[in-house]
Amino acid sequence: MAAMKPVLYSAAISSCSYRVRIALSLKGVEYEYRAVEWNDTDYEKINPIKYVPALQDGDILVSDSLAIILYLEDKYPQHLLLPQDLKRKALNLQIASIVCSSIQPLQCYAVIGLIKGKLGPDESLQIVHHYIDKGFRGN
């Protein structure tokens, strides 16, 4: 009996989902892609906070791009994504965490939607650049 492919619930424009699709590709893992619309009430049953991505692998459901990538790293040890050297691995995880928790959330559609109309495009871009620069200066 063939193993079922993992199912990736994703949105094409989501940078978080894009990270997971890259990891799946680098790992050579075949998966089923299910597009999620922003107001998909069926998806809320899978992931109550309604964020993408989420990965359903049999009876395991993992959401959050970094958690999914670390799950894939452990489950599929071929084509390692992280270095084995502890210092380099820690630096890679530090950078990934900064991107996921300090940079990306400040430029997502939910945040942009809150300030839409209050700032011009140039001001918004300056804010995005500020937080990207601040996040990467720490490394």
C-alpha atoms as a PDB file:
ATOM      1  CA  MET A   1       0.000   0.000   0.000  1.00  0.00           C
ATOM      2  CA  ALA A   2       1.445   3.356  -1.048  1.00  0.00           C
ATOM      3  CA  ALA A   3       1.856   6.031   1.564  1.00  0.00           C
ATOM      4  CA  MET A   4      -0.405   9.036   1.197  1.00  0.00           C
ATOM      5  CA  LYS A   5       1.214  12.254   0.115  1.00  0.00           C
ATOM      6  CA  PRO A   6       1.272  15.079   2.634  1.00  0.00           C
ATOM      7  CA  VAL A   7      -1.261  17.824   1.904  1.00  0.00           C
ATOM      8  CA  LEU A   8      -0.059  21.418   1.909  1.00  0.00           C
ATOM      9  CA  TYR A   9      -2.744  24.021   2.520  1.00  0.00           C
ATOM     10  CA  SER A  10      -1.308  27.124   0.983  1.00  0.00           C
ATOM     11  CA  ALA A  11      -1.890  30.438  -0.743  1.00  0.00           C
ATOM     12  CA  ALA A  12       0.136  31.356  -3.794  1.00  0.00           C
ATOM     13  CA  ILE A  13       0.908  34.885  -2.569  1.00  0.00           C
ATOM     14  CA  SER A  14       1.907  33.853   0.957  1.00  0.00           C
ATOM     15  CA  SER A  15       5.649  34.166   1.590  1.00  0.00           C
ATOM     16  CA  CYS A  16       5.274  31.734   4.498  1.00  0.00           C
ATOM     17  CA  SER A  17       3.713  29.158   2.178  1.00  0.00           C
ATOM     18  CA  TYR A  18       6.391  29.831  -0.408  1.00  0.00           C
ATOM     19  CA  ARG A  19       9.118  28.911   2.139  1.00  0.00           C
ATOM     20  CA  VAL A  20       7.447  25.546   2.728  1.00  0.00           C
ATOM     21  CA  ARG A  21       7.040  24.861  -0.991  1.00  0.00           C
ATOM     22  CA  ILE A  22      10.765  25.553  -1.441  1.00  0.00           C
ATOM     23  CA  ALA A  23      11.639  23.171   1.413  1.00  0.00           C
ATOM     24  CA  LEU A  24       9.384  20.433  -0.003  1.00  0.00           C
ATOM     25  CA  SER A  25      11.012  20.862  -3.404  1.00  0.00           C
ATOM     26  CA  LEU A  26      14.560  20.795  -2.020  1.00  0.00           C
ATOM     27  CA  LYS A  27      13.685  17.683  -0.027  1.00  0.00           C
ATOM     28  CA  GLY A  28      12.165  16.028  -3.089  1.00  0.00           C
ATOM     29  CA  VAL A  29       8.903  15.368  -1.255  1.00  0.00           C
ATOM     30  CA  GLU A  30       5.815  14.842  -3.396  1.00  0.00           C
ATOM     31  CA  TYR A  31       2.764  16.495  -1.890  1.00  0.00           C
ATOM     32  CA  GLU A  32      -0.765  17.513  -2.706  1.00  0.00           C
ATOM     33  CA  TYR A  33      -1.337  21.254  -2.972  1.00  0.00           C
ATOM     34  CA  ARG A  34      -4.635  22.691  -1.778  1.00  0.00           C
ATOM     35  CA  ALA A  35      -5.180  26.370  -2.369  1.00  0.00           C
ATOM     36  CA  VAL A  36      -6.766  28.265   0.489  1.00  0.00           C
ATOM     37  CA  GLU A  37      -8.810  31.400  -0.055  1.00  0.00           C
ATOM     38  CA  TRP A  38      -8.634  34.108   2.599  1.00  0.00           C
ATOM     39  CA  ASN A  39     -12.247  33.609   3.731  1.00  0.00           C
ATOM     40  CA  ASP A  40     -12.360  29.798   3.463  1.00  0.00           C
ATOM     41  CA  THR A  41     -14.595  28.582   6.312  1.00  0.00           C
ATOM     42  CA  ASP A  42     -13.678  24.938   5.586  1.00  0.00           C
ATOM     43  CA  TYR A  43     -10.011  25.761   6.178  1.00  0.00           C
ATOM     44  CA  GLU A  44     -10.890  27.188   9.595  1.00  0.00           C
ATOM     45  CA  LYS A  45     -11.818  23.612  10.625  1.00  0.00           C
ATOM     46  CA  ILE A  46      -8.272  22.526   9.727  1.00  0.00           C
ATOM     47  CA  ASN A  47      -6.482  25.540  11.193  1.00  0.00           C
ATOM     48  CA  PRO A  48      -8.648  27.654  13.543  1.00  0.00           C
ATOM     49  CA  ILE A  49      -6.405  30.724  13.247  1.00  0.00           C
ATOM     50  CA  LYS A  50      -6.803  30.474   9.442  1.00  0.00           C
ATOM     51  CA  TYR A  51      -3.159  31.261   8.667  1.00  0.00           C
ATOM     52  CA  VAL A  52      -1.339  29.464   5.881  1.00  0.00           C
ATOM     53  CA  PRO A  53       0.519  27.260   5.466  1.00  0.00           C
ATOM     54  CA  ALA A  54      -0.556  24.078   7.186  1.00  0.00           C
ATOM     55  CA  LEU A  55       0.735  20.610   6.388  1.00  0.00           C
ATOM     56  CA  GLN A  56      -1.396  17.520   6.948  1.00  0.00           C
ATOM     57  CA  ASP A  57       0.780  14.409   6.990  1.00  0.00           C
ATOM     58  CA  GLY A  58      -1.405  11.444   7.903  1.00  0.00           C
ATOM     59  CA  ASP A  59      -2.667  12.149  11.401  1.00  0.00           C
ATOM     60  CA  ILE A  60      -0.116  14.925  11.980  1.00  0.00           C
ATOM     61  CA  LEU A  61      -1.100  18.530  11.315  1.00  0.00           C
ATOM     62  CA  VAL A  62       1.609  21.178  11.506  1.00  0.00           C
ATOM     63  CA  SER A  63       1.024  24.863  10.914  1.00  0.00           C
ATOM     64  CA  ASP A  64       3.530  27.719  10.829  1.00  0.00           C
ATOM     65  CA  SER A  65       6.180  27.693   8.127  1.00  0.00           C
ATOM     66  CA  LEU A  66       9.193  27.266  10.411  1.00  0.00           C
ATOM     67  CA  ALA A  67       7.574  24.417  12.361  1.00  0.00           C
ATOM     68  CA  ILE A  68       6.646  22.706   9.091  1.00  0.00           C
ATOM     69  CA  ILE A  69      10.168  23.074   7.709  1.00  0.00           C
ATOM     70  CA  LEU A  70      11.700  21.650  10.907  1.00  0.00           C
ATOM     71  CA  TYR A  71       9.211  18.756  10.768  1.00  0.00           C
ATOM     72  CA  LEU A  72      10.218  18.068   7.164  1.00  0.00           C
ATOM     73  CA  GLU A  73      13.896  18.234   8.115  1.00  0.00           C
ATOM     74  CA  ASP A  74      13.388  15.523  10.739  1.00  0.00           C
ATOM     75  CA  LYS A  75      11.033  13.310   8.732  1.00  0.00           C
ATOM     76  CA  TYR A  76      12.980  13.453   5.458  1.00  0.00           C
ATOM     77  CA  PRO A  77      16.683  13.483   6.351  1.00  0.00           C
ATOM     78  CA  GLN A  78      17.782  13.313   2.706  1.00  0.00           C
ATOM     79  CA  HIS A  79      18.891  16.627   1.214  1.00  0.00           C
ATOM     80  CA  LEU A  80      19.494  18.400   4.517  1.00  0.00           C
ATOM     81  CA  LEU A  81      18.345  21.991   4.721  1.00  0.00           C
ATOM     82  CA  LEU A  82      20.317  22.842   7.850  1.00  0.00           C
ATOM     83  CA  PRO A  83      24.063  22.528   8.362  1.00  0.00           C
ATOM     84  CA  GLN A  84      25.248  19.879  10.807  1.00  0.00           C
ATOM     85  CA  ASP A  85      27.820  22.211  12.400  1.00  0.00           C
ATOM     86  CA  LEU A  86      26.096  23.463  15.581  1.00  0.00           C
ATOM     87  CA  LYS A  87      27.313  27.047  15.258  1.00  0.00           C
ATOM     88  CA  ARG A  88      26.178  27.354  11.630  1.00  0.00           C
ATOM     89  CA  LYS A  89      22.915  25.553  12.406  1.00  0.00           C
ATOM     90  CA  ALA A  90      22.172  27.937  15.292  1.00  0.00           C
ATOM     91  CA  LEU A  91      22.879  30.951  13.048  1.00  0.00           C
ATOM     92  CA  ASN A  92      20.550  29.561  10.349  1.00  0.00           C
ATOM     93  CA  LEU A  93      17.769  28.999  12.893  1.00  0.00           C
ATOM     94  CA  GLN A  94      18.337  32.466  14.365  1.00  0.00           C
ATOM     95  CA  ILE A  95      17.960  34.073  10.929  1.00  0.00           C
ATOM     96  CA  ALA A  96      14.871  31.972  10.147  1.00  0.00           C
ATOM     97  CA  SER A  97      13.294  32.938  13.455  1.00  0.00           C
ATOM     98  CA  ILE A  98      13.996  36.636  12.895  1.00  0.00           C
ATOM     99  CA  VAL A  99      12.404  36.468   9.435  1.00  0.00           C
ATOM    100  CA  CYS A 100       9.373  34.544  10.706  1.00  0.00           C
ATOM    101  CA  SER A 101       8.717  36.490  13.890  1.00  0.00           C
ATOM    102  CA  SER A 102      10.311  39.925  13.545  1.00  0.00           C
ATOM    103  CA  ILE A 103      10.317  40.874   9.870  1.00  0.00           C
ATOM    104  CA  GLN A 104       7.576  39.110   7.940  1.00  0.00           C
ATOM    105  CA  PRO A 105       4.662  39.764  10.338  1.00  0.00           C
ATOM    106  CA  LEU A 106       5.182  43.522  10.029  1.00  0.00           C
ATOM    107  CA  GLN A 107       4.628  43.449   6.275  1.00  0.00           C
ATOM    108  CA  CYS A 108       1.809  40.935   5.961  1.00  0.00           C
ATOM    109  CA  TYR A 109      -1.556  41.816   4.491  1.00  0.00           C
ATOM    110  CA  ALA A 110      -3.224  41.876   7.909  1.00  0.00           C
ATOM    111  CA  VAL A 111      -0.909  44.650   9.089  1.00  0.00           C
ATOM    112  CA  ILE A 112      -0.931  46.500   5.779  1.00  0.00           C
ATOM    113  CA  GLY A 113      -4.732  46.330   5.868  1.00  0.00           C
ATOM    114  CA  LEU A 114      -4.767  48.043   9.252  1.00  0.00           C
ATOM    115  CA  ILE A 115      -2.860  51.043   7.962  1.00  0.00           C
ATOM    116  CA  LYS A 116      -4.254  51.088   4.435  1.00  0.00           C
ATOM    117  CA  GLY A 117      -5.172  54.593   3.511  1.00  0.00           C
ATOM    118  CA  LYS A 118      -3.294  56.126   6.432  1.00  0.00           C
ATOM    119  CA  LEU A 119       0.132  55.937   4.809  1.00  0.00           C
ATOM    120  CA  GLY A 120       1.238  56.475   1.248  1.00  0.00           C
ATOM    121  CA  PRO A 121       3.115  53.775  -0.670  1.00  0.00           C
ATOM    122  CA  ASP A 122       6.482  55.459  -0.076  1.00  0.00           C
ATOM    123  CA  GLU A 123       5.878  55.680   3.681  1.00  0.00           C
ATOM    124  CA  SER A 124       4.766  52.049   3.815  1.00  0.00           C
ATOM    125  CA  LEU A 125       7.845  50.978   1.878  1.00  0.00           C
ATOM    126  CA  GLN A 126      10.091  52.914   4.282  1.00  0.00           C
ATOM    127  CA  ILE A 127       8.542  51.080   7.231  1.00  0.00           C
ATOM    128  CA  VAL A 128       9.010  47.694   5.545  1.00  0.00           C
ATOM    129  CA  HIS A 129      12.652  48.530   4.729  1.00  0.00           C
ATOM    130  CA  HIS A 130      13.244  49.685   8.300  1.00  0.00           C
ATOM    131  CA  TYR A 131      12.128  46.375   9.818  1.00  0.00           C
ATOM    132  CA  ILE A 132      13.925  44.220   7.243  1.00  0.00           C
ATOM    133  CA  ASP A 133      17.129  46.183   7.840  1.00  0.00           C
ATOM    134  CA  LYS A 134      16.707  46.058  11.633  1.00  0.00           C
ATOM    135  CA  GLY A 135      16.111  42.294  11.553  1.00  0.00           C
ATOM    136  CA  PHE A 136      19.154  41.502   9.450  1.00  0.00           C
ATOM    137  CA  ARG A 137      21.522  43.903  11.233  1.00  0.00           C
ATOM    138  CA  GLY A 138      21.258  41.629  14.261  1.00  0.00           C
ATOM    139  CA  ASN A 139      23.126  38.860  12.397  1.00  0.00           C
END
